[in-house]
């Protein structure tokens, strides 16, 4: 276990907390002593990790869409998180083909919303934007991609996540 626990006693917000990765991150943060604020959609099934682990009763569980800028700003103002992990996304390649506009809205506009809310926050000092290896141009390599590899994306999901990288870089270079 950690000798120096940076999360103990911190107010940590997790967007996408009802999803697979977000629910596991929330469990980990709770175990480390963080006060977790979740911001996400309804779980898709009663067998989702979020439901089965009983997270609703172990954290502040806010159900809202990352595209709802006013609600997002309101929750961040009210909850005053110290740290924000942004995992909320439309995360399925096939869904990106079925509904490309929603994929672009959720992934790009949703991320821009969280970046702007973070920029305007008086309390949050750390923002971690979680992404995917799909941001990189697919070279069909046998090894993993590196952060220095070229961004790409020939399908809507991958293109949206590559665009997110550019939005994050823009905010980083312009405001942080």
N, C-alpha and C. Protein backbone atom coordinates (compact mmCIF):
# COMPACT_ATOMS: atom_id res chain seq x y z
N UNK A 1 0.84 -1.19 0.00
CA UNK A 1 0.00 0.00 0.00
C UNK A 1 0.88 1.24 0.00
N UNK A 2 0.30 2.36 -0.34
CA UNK A 2 1.04 3.63 -0.41
C UNK A 2 1.46 4.08 0.98
N UNK A 3 2.67 4.62 1.08
CA UNK A 3 3.07 5.25 2.33
C UNK A 3 2.63 6.71 2.32
N UNK A 4 2.59 7.31 1.16
CA UNK A 4 2.12 8.68 1.01
C UNK A 4 0.92 8.64 0.06
N UNK A 5 -0.27 8.76 0.61
CA UNK A 5 -1.50 8.60 -0.16
C UNK A 5 -2.03 9.97 -0.59
N UNK A 6 -1.87 10.33 -1.86
CA UNK A 6 -2.31 11.66 -2.31
C UNK A 6 -3.83 11.81 -2.41
N UNK A 7 -4.59 10.73 -2.28
CA UNK A 7 -6.05 10.80 -2.45
C UNK A 7 -6.81 10.83 -1.13
N UNK A 8 -6.17 10.43 -0.04
CA UNK A 8 -6.84 10.36 1.26
C UNK A 8 -7.37 11.75 1.65
N UNK A 9 -8.70 11.80 1.87
CA UNK A 9 -9.33 13.05 2.29
C UNK A 9 -9.60 14.03 1.16
N UNK A 10 -9.23 13.68 -0.06
CA UNK A 10 -9.46 14.58 -1.21
C UNK A 10 -10.85 14.36 -1.78
N UNK A 11 -11.40 15.42 -2.34
CA UNK A 11 -12.67 15.34 -3.07
C UNK A 11 -12.30 15.10 -4.53
N UNK A 12 -12.66 13.93 -5.04
CA UNK A 12 -12.25 13.53 -6.38
C UNK A 12 -13.50 13.28 -7.23
N UNK A 13 -13.58 13.96 -8.36
CA UNK A 13 -14.70 13.78 -9.28
C UNK A 13 -14.27 12.84 -10.39
N UNK A 14 -15.17 11.89 -10.73
CA UNK A 14 -14.93 10.95 -11.82
C UNK A 14 -16.08 11.09 -12.80
N UNK A 15 -15.81 11.60 -14.01
CA UNK A 15 -16.85 11.59 -15.03
C UNK A 15 -16.85 10.22 -15.69
N UNK A 16 -18.04 9.72 -16.00
CA UNK A 16 -18.13 8.37 -16.55
C UNK A 16 -18.01 7.31 -15.47
N UNK A 17 -18.39 7.65 -14.24
CA UNK A 17 -18.23 6.75 -13.10
C UNK A 17 -19.09 5.49 -13.16
N UNK A 18 -20.13 5.49 -14.00
CA UNK A 18 -20.99 4.30 -14.10
C UNK A 18 -20.49 3.32 -15.16
N UNK A 19 -19.49 3.71 -15.93
CA UNK A 19 -18.91 2.83 -16.94
C UNK A 19 -17.92 1.84 -16.33
N UNK A 20 -17.39 0.98 -17.15
CA UNK A 20 -16.49 -0.07 -16.67
C UNK A 20 -15.25 0.51 -15.99
N UNK A 21 -14.50 1.33 -16.70
CA UNK A 21 -13.27 1.89 -16.14
C UNK A 21 -13.57 2.88 -15.02
N UNK A 22 -14.60 3.70 -15.22
CA UNK A 22 -14.95 4.69 -14.20
C UNK A 22 -15.38 4.08 -12.89
N UNK A 23 -16.10 2.96 -12.95
CA UNK A 23 -16.54 2.31 -11.71
C UNK A 23 -15.34 1.69 -10.98
N UNK A 24 -14.42 1.09 -11.71
CA UNK A 24 -13.23 0.53 -11.07
C UNK A 24 -12.36 1.64 -10.48
N UNK A 25 -12.21 2.74 -11.19
CA UNK A 25 -11.45 3.87 -10.65
C UNK A 25 -12.12 4.40 -9.38
N UNK A 26 -13.43 4.52 -9.41
CA UNK A 26 -14.16 5.01 -8.22
C UNK A 26 -13.94 4.09 -7.03
N UNK A 27 -14.03 2.78 -7.24
CA UNK A 27 -13.77 1.82 -6.15
C UNK A 27 -12.37 1.99 -5.59
N UNK A 28 -11.39 2.13 -6.47
CA UNK A 28 -10.00 2.29 -6.04
C UNK A 28 -9.83 3.57 -5.22
N UNK A 29 -10.42 4.67 -5.70
CA UNK A 29 -10.30 5.94 -4.99
C UNK A 29 -10.97 5.88 -3.62
N UNK A 30 -12.13 5.25 -3.54
CA UNK A 30 -12.82 5.09 -2.25
C UNK A 30 -11.95 4.28 -1.29
N UNK A 31 -11.34 3.21 -1.80
CA UNK A 31 -10.45 2.38 -0.98
C UNK A 31 -9.28 3.20 -0.45
N UNK A 32 -8.82 4.16 -1.23
CA UNK A 32 -7.71 5.01 -0.82
C UNK A 32 -8.14 6.17 0.08
N UNK A 33 -9.43 6.25 0.38
CA UNK A 33 -9.90 7.26 1.31
C UNK A 33 -10.36 8.56 0.69
N UNK A 34 -10.57 8.57 -0.62
CA UNK A 34 -11.08 9.78 -1.27
C UNK A 34 -12.59 9.87 -1.10
N UNK A 35 -13.08 11.08 -1.12
CA UNK A 35 -14.52 11.32 -1.18
C UNK A 35 -14.84 11.48 -2.67
N UNK A 36 -15.54 10.52 -3.26
CA UNK A 36 -15.72 10.46 -4.70
C UNK A 36 -17.07 11.03 -5.11
N UNK A 37 -17.02 11.89 -6.12
CA UNK A 37 -18.20 12.47 -6.74
C UNK A 37 -18.26 11.92 -8.16
N UNK A 38 -19.32 11.21 -8.48
CA UNK A 38 -19.47 10.65 -9.82
C UNK A 38 -20.39 11.50 -10.67
N UNK A 39 -20.08 11.59 -11.95
CA UNK A 39 -20.90 12.33 -12.90
C UNK A 39 -21.00 11.49 -14.16
N UNK A 40 -22.17 10.90 -14.40
CA UNK A 40 -22.29 10.03 -15.56
C UNK A 40 -23.72 9.62 -15.84
N UNK A 41 -23.87 8.83 -16.86
CA UNK A 41 -25.18 8.34 -17.29
C UNK A 41 -25.61 7.14 -16.45
N UNK A 42 -26.86 6.72 -16.64
CA UNK A 42 -27.36 5.51 -15.99
C UNK A 42 -26.53 4.31 -16.45
N UNK A 43 -26.28 3.35 -15.56
CA UNK A 43 -25.63 2.11 -16.00
C UNK A 43 -26.49 1.43 -17.06
N UNK A 44 -25.84 0.74 -17.97
CA UNK A 44 -26.58 0.12 -19.09
C UNK A 44 -27.36 -1.13 -18.67
N UNK A 45 -26.83 -1.91 -17.71
CA UNK A 45 -27.52 -3.12 -17.29
C UNK A 45 -27.41 -3.29 -15.77
N UNK A 46 -28.27 -4.12 -15.18
CA UNK A 46 -28.16 -4.39 -13.74
C UNK A 46 -26.91 -5.20 -13.37
N UNK A 47 -26.22 -5.72 -14.38
CA UNK A 47 -25.01 -6.50 -14.13
C UNK A 47 -23.73 -5.70 -14.32
N UNK A 48 -23.86 -4.39 -14.56
CA UNK A 48 -22.67 -3.54 -14.69
C UNK A 48 -21.91 -3.50 -13.37
N UNK A 49 -20.60 -3.36 -13.45
CA UNK A 49 -19.75 -3.30 -12.26
C UNK A 49 -20.24 -2.23 -11.29
N UNK A 50 -20.67 -1.09 -11.79
CA UNK A 50 -21.14 0.00 -10.92
C UNK A 50 -22.28 -0.49 -10.03
N UNK A 51 -23.25 -1.19 -10.62
CA UNK A 51 -24.41 -1.68 -9.88
C UNK A 51 -24.00 -2.79 -8.92
N UNK A 52 -23.28 -3.78 -9.43
CA UNK A 52 -22.92 -4.94 -8.62
C UNK A 52 -22.03 -4.59 -7.42
N UNK A 53 -21.23 -3.54 -7.54
CA UNK A 53 -20.34 -3.16 -6.44
C UNK A 53 -21.00 -2.22 -5.45
N UNK A 54 -22.25 -1.84 -5.68
CA UNK A 54 -22.98 -0.99 -4.73
C UNK A 54 -22.43 0.41 -4.61
N UNK A 55 -21.89 0.94 -5.69
CA UNK A 55 -21.25 2.26 -5.62
C UNK A 55 -22.23 3.41 -5.35
N UNK A 56 -23.49 3.25 -5.72
CA UNK A 56 -24.45 4.33 -5.48
C UNK A 56 -24.45 4.76 -4.01
N UNK A 57 -24.30 3.80 -3.11
CA UNK A 57 -24.34 4.10 -1.67
C UNK A 57 -22.98 4.47 -1.10
N UNK A 58 -21.94 4.43 -1.90
CA UNK A 58 -20.59 4.67 -1.38
C UNK A 58 -19.97 5.96 -1.88
N UNK A 59 -20.73 6.72 -2.69
CA UNK A 59 -20.19 7.94 -3.28
C UNK A 59 -21.33 8.91 -3.57
N UNK A 60 -21.00 10.12 -3.93
CA UNK A 60 -21.99 11.08 -4.39
C UNK A 60 -22.22 10.78 -5.87
N UNK A 61 -23.39 10.24 -6.19
CA UNK A 61 -23.71 9.70 -7.51
C UNK A 61 -24.62 10.65 -8.27
N UNK A 62 -24.05 11.43 -9.17
CA UNK A 62 -24.82 12.38 -9.99
C UNK A 62 -25.01 11.81 -11.38
N UNK A 63 -26.27 11.69 -11.81
CA UNK A 63 -26.56 11.17 -13.15
C UNK A 63 -26.85 12.35 -14.07
N UNK A 64 -25.95 12.56 -15.00
CA UNK A 64 -26.10 13.65 -15.96
C UNK A 64 -25.19 13.40 -17.15
N UNK A 65 -25.49 14.09 -18.24
CA UNK A 65 -24.76 13.96 -19.50
C UNK A 65 -23.64 14.98 -19.55
N UNK A 66 -22.46 14.56 -19.95
CA UNK A 66 -21.29 15.44 -20.03
C UNK A 66 -21.52 16.58 -21.03
N UNK A 67 -22.47 16.42 -21.93
CA UNK A 67 -22.78 17.49 -22.89
C UNK A 67 -23.62 18.59 -22.26
N UNK A 68 -24.19 18.37 -21.09
CA UNK A 68 -25.00 19.37 -20.39
C UNK A 68 -24.06 20.30 -19.61
N UNK A 69 -23.58 21.32 -20.30
CA UNK A 69 -22.57 22.22 -19.73
C UNK A 69 -23.04 22.90 -18.45
N UNK A 70 -24.27 23.37 -18.44
CA UNK A 70 -24.78 24.07 -17.26
C UNK A 70 -24.82 23.15 -16.04
N UNK A 71 -25.31 21.94 -16.22
CA UNK A 71 -25.37 20.98 -15.11
C UNK A 71 -23.96 20.63 -14.64
N UNK A 72 -23.05 20.40 -15.57
CA UNK A 72 -21.67 20.07 -15.22
C UNK A 72 -21.04 21.19 -14.39
N UNK A 73 -21.18 22.44 -14.85
CA UNK A 73 -20.62 23.57 -14.13
C UNK A 73 -21.25 23.68 -12.74
N UNK A 74 -22.56 23.47 -12.65
CA UNK A 74 -23.28 23.54 -11.37
C UNK A 74 -22.74 22.49 -10.39
N UNK A 75 -22.55 21.27 -10.85
CA UNK A 75 -22.06 20.19 -9.98
C UNK A 75 -20.64 20.50 -9.51
N UNK A 76 -19.79 20.97 -10.38
CA UNK A 76 -18.42 21.29 -9.98
C UNK A 76 -18.39 22.46 -9.00
N UNK A 77 -19.23 23.47 -9.23
CA UNK A 77 -19.30 24.60 -8.27
C UNK A 77 -19.78 24.13 -6.90
N UNK A 78 -20.80 23.27 -6.90
CA UNK A 78 -21.39 22.79 -5.64
C UNK A 78 -20.47 21.82 -4.91
N UNK A 79 -19.90 20.86 -5.63
CA UNK A 79 -19.12 19.78 -5.01
C UNK A 79 -17.66 20.16 -4.72
N UNK A 80 -17.14 21.15 -5.42
CA UNK A 80 -15.78 21.65 -5.19
C UNK A 80 -14.71 20.53 -5.16
N UNK A 81 -14.58 19.79 -6.26
CA UNK A 81 -13.56 18.73 -6.26
C UNK A 81 -12.14 19.30 -6.28
N UNK A 82 -11.23 18.55 -5.66
CA UNK A 82 -9.81 18.90 -5.71
C UNK A 82 -9.16 18.34 -6.98
N UNK A 83 -9.64 17.18 -7.39
CA UNK A 83 -9.08 16.44 -8.52
C UNK A 83 -10.24 15.96 -9.39
N UNK A 84 -10.04 15.99 -10.72
CA UNK A 84 -11.06 15.50 -11.64
C UNK A 84 -10.41 14.48 -12.58
N UNK A 85 -11.03 13.30 -12.67
CA UNK A 85 -10.67 12.30 -13.67
C UNK A 85 -11.79 12.30 -14.70
N UNK A 86 -11.46 12.58 -15.96
CA UNK A 86 -12.47 12.62 -17.02
C UNK A 86 -12.40 11.33 -17.84
N UNK A 87 -13.41 10.47 -17.63
CA UNK A 87 -13.51 9.21 -18.37
C UNK A 87 -14.78 9.14 -19.21
N UNK A 88 -15.70 10.10 -19.03
CA UNK A 88 -16.97 10.05 -19.76
C UNK A 88 -16.72 10.15 -21.25
N UNK A 89 -17.29 9.20 -21.99
CA UNK A 89 -17.08 9.18 -23.44
C UNK A 89 -18.05 8.20 -24.09
N UNK A 90 -18.25 8.38 -25.36
CA UNK A 90 -18.87 7.33 -26.18
C UNK A 90 -17.68 6.50 -26.60
N UNK A 91 -17.59 5.28 -26.06
CA UNK A 91 -16.34 4.53 -26.15
C UNK A 91 -16.36 3.32 -27.07
N UNK A 92 -17.35 3.22 -27.95
CA UNK A 92 -17.47 2.03 -28.79
C UNK A 92 -17.30 2.38 -30.27
N UNK A 93 -16.39 1.69 -30.92
CA UNK A 93 -16.13 1.92 -32.35
C UNK A 93 -17.39 1.71 -33.17
N UNK A 94 -18.10 0.60 -32.96
CA UNK A 94 -19.30 0.31 -33.76
C UNK A 94 -20.40 1.34 -33.53
N UNK A 95 -20.55 1.82 -32.29
CA UNK A 95 -21.54 2.86 -32.01
C UNK A 95 -21.18 4.15 -32.76
N UNK A 96 -19.90 4.40 -32.93
CA UNK A 96 -19.45 5.56 -33.70
C UNK A 96 -19.92 5.51 -35.15
N UNK A 97 -19.98 4.32 -35.72
CA UNK A 97 -20.51 4.16 -37.08
C UNK A 97 -22.03 4.35 -37.09
N UNK A 98 -22.70 3.83 -36.07
CA UNK A 98 -24.17 3.94 -36.01
C UNK A 98 -24.63 5.37 -35.79
N UNK A 99 -23.90 6.12 -34.93
CA UNK A 99 -24.31 7.47 -34.60
C UNK A 99 -23.08 8.37 -34.49
N UNK A 100 -22.51 8.73 -35.63
CA UNK A 100 -21.27 9.51 -35.59
C UNK A 100 -21.44 10.89 -34.96
N UNK A 101 -22.57 11.56 -35.18
CA UNK A 101 -22.75 12.89 -34.60
C UNK A 101 -22.75 12.84 -33.08
N UNK A 102 -23.44 11.86 -32.51
CA UNK A 102 -23.43 11.73 -31.05
C UNK A 102 -22.02 11.43 -30.55
N UNK A 103 -21.29 10.60 -31.26
CA UNK A 103 -19.93 10.27 -30.87
C UNK A 103 -19.06 11.53 -30.84
N UNK A 104 -19.16 12.35 -31.87
CA UNK A 104 -18.38 13.60 -31.89
C UNK A 104 -18.84 14.56 -30.79
N UNK A 105 -20.15 14.66 -30.57
CA UNK A 105 -20.67 15.56 -29.53
C UNK A 105 -20.20 15.14 -28.14
N UNK A 106 -20.38 13.86 -27.82
CA UNK A 106 -20.02 13.38 -26.49
C UNK A 106 -18.51 13.51 -26.28
N UNK A 107 -17.73 13.01 -27.21
CA UNK A 107 -16.29 12.96 -26.99
C UNK A 107 -15.61 14.32 -27.10
N UNK A 108 -15.94 15.09 -28.12
CA UNK A 108 -15.26 16.38 -28.30
C UNK A 108 -15.89 17.47 -27.45
N UNK A 109 -17.20 17.70 -27.62
CA UNK A 109 -17.85 18.76 -26.86
C UNK A 109 -17.86 18.44 -25.37
N UNK A 110 -18.09 17.17 -25.02
CA UNK A 110 -18.06 16.78 -23.62
C UNK A 110 -16.72 17.07 -22.96
N UNK A 111 -15.64 16.77 -23.67
CA UNK A 111 -14.31 17.06 -23.14
C UNK A 111 -14.06 18.56 -23.06
N UNK A 112 -14.48 19.30 -24.07
CA UNK A 112 -14.34 20.77 -24.01
C UNK A 112 -15.11 21.32 -22.81
N UNK A 113 -16.29 20.77 -22.53
CA UNK A 113 -17.06 21.21 -21.37
C UNK A 113 -16.30 20.99 -20.06
N UNK A 114 -15.70 19.80 -19.90
CA UNK A 114 -14.98 19.53 -18.65
C UNK A 114 -13.72 20.38 -18.56
N UNK A 115 -13.06 20.62 -19.67
CA UNK A 115 -11.88 21.50 -19.65
C UNK A 115 -12.25 22.92 -19.24
N UNK A 116 -13.35 23.42 -19.77
CA UNK A 116 -13.77 24.78 -19.42
C UNK A 116 -14.24 24.85 -17.96
N UNK A 117 -14.94 23.82 -17.50
CA UNK A 117 -15.37 23.80 -16.10
C UNK A 117 -14.15 23.75 -15.18
N UNK A 118 -13.15 22.97 -15.54
CA UNK A 118 -11.91 22.91 -14.76
C UNK A 118 -11.21 24.27 -14.75
N UNK A 119 -11.15 24.89 -15.91
CA UNK A 119 -10.50 26.21 -16.02
C UNK A 119 -11.16 27.23 -15.11
N UNK A 120 -12.47 27.15 -14.97
CA UNK A 120 -13.22 28.11 -14.17
C UNK A 120 -13.35 27.71 -12.70
N UNK A 121 -12.89 26.51 -12.36
CA UNK A 121 -13.03 26.01 -10.99
C UNK A 121 -12.07 26.74 -10.05
N UNK A 122 -12.57 27.03 -8.85
CA UNK A 122 -11.73 27.65 -7.82
C UNK A 122 -11.00 26.62 -6.97
N UNK A 123 -11.41 25.34 -7.08
CA UNK A 123 -10.86 24.33 -6.18
C UNK A 123 -10.06 23.24 -6.88
N UNK A 124 -10.46 22.83 -8.08
CA UNK A 124 -9.79 21.72 -8.75
C UNK A 124 -8.40 22.14 -9.21
N UNK A 125 -7.40 21.34 -8.81
CA UNK A 125 -6.02 21.67 -9.20
C UNK A 125 -5.41 20.63 -10.13
N UNK A 126 -6.10 19.50 -10.32
CA UNK A 126 -5.60 18.44 -11.19
C UNK A 126 -6.74 17.94 -12.05
N UNK A 127 -6.48 17.82 -13.35
CA UNK A 127 -7.44 17.21 -14.29
C UNK A 127 -6.70 16.16 -15.09
N UNK A 128 -7.22 14.93 -15.04
CA UNK A 128 -6.65 13.83 -15.81
C UNK A 128 -7.68 13.43 -16.86
N UNK A 129 -7.34 13.58 -18.14
CA UNK A 129 -8.23 13.20 -19.24
C UNK A 129 -7.78 11.83 -19.73
N UNK A 130 -8.65 10.84 -19.59
CA UNK A 130 -8.33 9.46 -19.96
C UNK A 130 -8.76 9.22 -21.40
N UNK A 131 -7.91 8.55 -22.16
CA UNK A 131 -8.19 8.36 -23.58
C UNK A 131 -7.97 6.90 -23.99
N UNK A 132 -7.62 6.66 -25.21
CA UNK A 132 -7.50 5.32 -25.78
C UNK A 132 -6.34 5.27 -26.77
N UNK A 133 -5.88 4.07 -27.08
CA UNK A 133 -4.84 3.94 -28.10
C UNK A 133 -5.40 4.21 -29.49
N UNK A 134 -6.71 4.30 -29.62
CA UNK A 134 -7.35 4.57 -30.92
C UNK A 134 -7.07 5.99 -31.40
N UNK A 135 -6.46 6.83 -30.57
CA UNK A 135 -6.12 8.19 -31.00
C UNK A 135 -5.00 8.19 -32.04
N UNK A 136 -4.25 7.09 -32.11
CA UNK A 136 -3.10 7.03 -33.00
C UNK A 136 -3.47 6.46 -34.36
N UNK A 137 -2.78 6.95 -35.37
CA UNK A 137 -2.95 6.40 -36.71
C UNK A 137 -2.64 4.91 -36.67
N UNK A 138 -3.57 4.10 -37.16
CA UNK A 138 -3.42 2.66 -37.09
C UNK A 138 -2.40 2.17 -38.12
N UNK A 139 -1.28 1.71 -37.62
CA UNK A 139 -0.21 1.21 -38.49
C UNK A 139 -0.13 -0.31 -38.48
N UNK A 140 -1.04 -0.95 -37.73
CA UNK A 140 -1.04 -2.42 -37.61
C UNK A 140 0.29 -2.96 -37.10
N UNK A 141 0.94 -2.17 -36.23
CA UNK A 141 2.19 -2.61 -35.63
C UNK A 141 1.94 -3.71 -34.61
N UNK A 142 2.95 -4.51 -34.35
CA UNK A 142 2.81 -5.55 -33.33
C UNK A 142 3.12 -5.00 -31.93
N UNK A 143 3.72 -3.83 -31.85
CA UNK A 143 4.05 -3.22 -30.56
C UNK A 143 3.04 -2.11 -30.25
N UNK A 144 3.06 -1.68 -29.01
CA UNK A 144 2.14 -0.62 -28.57
C UNK A 144 2.52 0.74 -29.12
N UNK A 145 1.57 1.64 -29.11
CA UNK A 145 1.81 3.00 -29.58
C UNK A 145 2.47 3.82 -28.48
N UNK A 146 3.16 4.88 -28.91
CA UNK A 146 3.83 5.80 -28.00
C UNK A 146 3.18 7.17 -28.14
N UNK A 147 3.29 7.98 -27.11
CA UNK A 147 2.67 9.31 -27.15
C UNK A 147 3.26 10.19 -28.23
N UNK A 148 4.41 9.84 -28.74
CA UNK A 148 5.02 10.62 -29.81
C UNK A 148 4.55 10.17 -31.20
N UNK A 149 3.76 9.09 -31.26
CA UNK A 149 3.25 8.61 -32.55
C UNK A 149 2.20 9.57 -33.11
N UNK A 150 2.03 9.51 -34.42
CA UNK A 150 1.10 10.40 -35.11
C UNK A 150 -0.36 10.11 -34.75
N UNK A 151 -1.11 11.16 -34.47
CA UNK A 151 -2.55 11.01 -34.25
C UNK A 151 -3.21 10.63 -35.56
N UNK A 152 -4.32 9.94 -35.46
CA UNK A 152 -5.04 9.54 -36.66
C UNK A 152 -6.48 9.23 -36.32
N UNK A 153 -7.10 8.45 -37.15
CA UNK A 153 -8.48 8.07 -36.89
C UNK A 153 -9.28 8.04 -38.17
N UNK A 154 -9.49 6.86 -38.71
CA UNK A 154 -10.23 6.77 -39.97
C UNK A 154 -11.71 6.48 -39.74
N UNK A 155 -12.09 6.10 -38.53
CA UNK A 155 -13.51 5.88 -38.21
C UNK A 155 -13.97 6.99 -37.26
N UNK A 156 -15.28 7.20 -37.11
CA UNK A 156 -15.76 8.31 -36.28
C UNK A 156 -15.26 8.27 -34.83
N UNK A 157 -15.26 7.08 -34.22
CA UNK A 157 -14.79 7.01 -32.83
C UNK A 157 -13.33 7.44 -32.72
N UNK A 158 -12.48 6.83 -33.53
CA UNK A 158 -11.05 7.15 -33.47
C UNK A 158 -10.78 8.61 -33.80
N UNK A 159 -11.47 9.13 -34.81
CA UNK A 159 -11.30 10.54 -35.18
C UNK A 159 -11.73 11.45 -34.04
N UNK A 160 -12.82 11.10 -33.36
CA UNK A 160 -13.30 11.93 -32.26
C UNK A 160 -12.29 11.94 -31.11
N UNK A 161 -11.68 10.80 -30.83
CA UNK A 161 -10.71 10.74 -29.75
C UNK A 161 -9.41 11.44 -30.13
N UNK A 162 -9.03 11.40 -31.40
CA UNK A 162 -7.86 12.17 -31.85
C UNK A 162 -8.13 13.67 -31.72
N UNK A 163 -9.34 14.07 -32.08
CA UNK A 163 -9.72 15.48 -31.94
C UNK A 163 -9.69 15.92 -30.48
N UNK A 164 -10.10 15.03 -29.59
CA UNK A 164 -10.04 15.32 -28.15
C UNK A 164 -8.61 15.66 -27.74
N UNK A 165 -7.65 14.91 -28.26
CA UNK A 165 -6.25 15.18 -27.94
C UNK A 165 -5.87 16.60 -28.33
N UNK A 166 -6.36 17.05 -29.47
CA UNK A 166 -6.05 18.40 -29.93
C UNK A 166 -6.73 19.45 -29.06
N UNK A 167 -7.96 19.18 -28.63
CA UNK A 167 -8.68 20.11 -27.74
C UNK A 167 -7.95 20.22 -26.41
N UNK A 168 -7.54 19.09 -25.86
CA UNK A 168 -6.79 19.09 -24.59
C UNK A 168 -5.48 19.87 -24.75
N UNK A 169 -4.76 19.63 -25.83
CA UNK A 169 -3.50 20.35 -26.07
C UNK A 169 -3.74 21.84 -26.20
N UNK A 170 -4.82 22.22 -26.86
CA UNK A 170 -5.16 23.64 -27.00
C UNK A 170 -5.40 24.29 -25.65
N UNK A 171 -6.18 23.63 -24.79
CA UNK A 171 -6.43 24.18 -23.45
C UNK A 171 -5.14 24.22 -22.63
N UNK A 172 -4.37 23.16 -22.74
CA UNK A 172 -3.11 23.12 -21.99
C UNK A 172 -2.20 24.27 -22.39
N UNK A 173 -2.03 24.46 -23.69
CA UNK A 173 -1.13 25.52 -24.18
C UNK A 173 -1.69 26.91 -23.98
N UNK A 174 -3.01 27.07 -24.03
CA UNK A 174 -3.62 28.39 -23.94
C UNK A 174 -3.90 28.86 -22.51
N UNK A 175 -4.24 27.93 -21.62
CA UNK A 175 -4.73 28.34 -20.30
C UNK A 175 -3.97 27.77 -19.12
N UNK A 176 -3.27 26.66 -19.31
CA UNK A 176 -2.62 26.04 -18.15
C UNK A 176 -1.12 26.12 -18.29
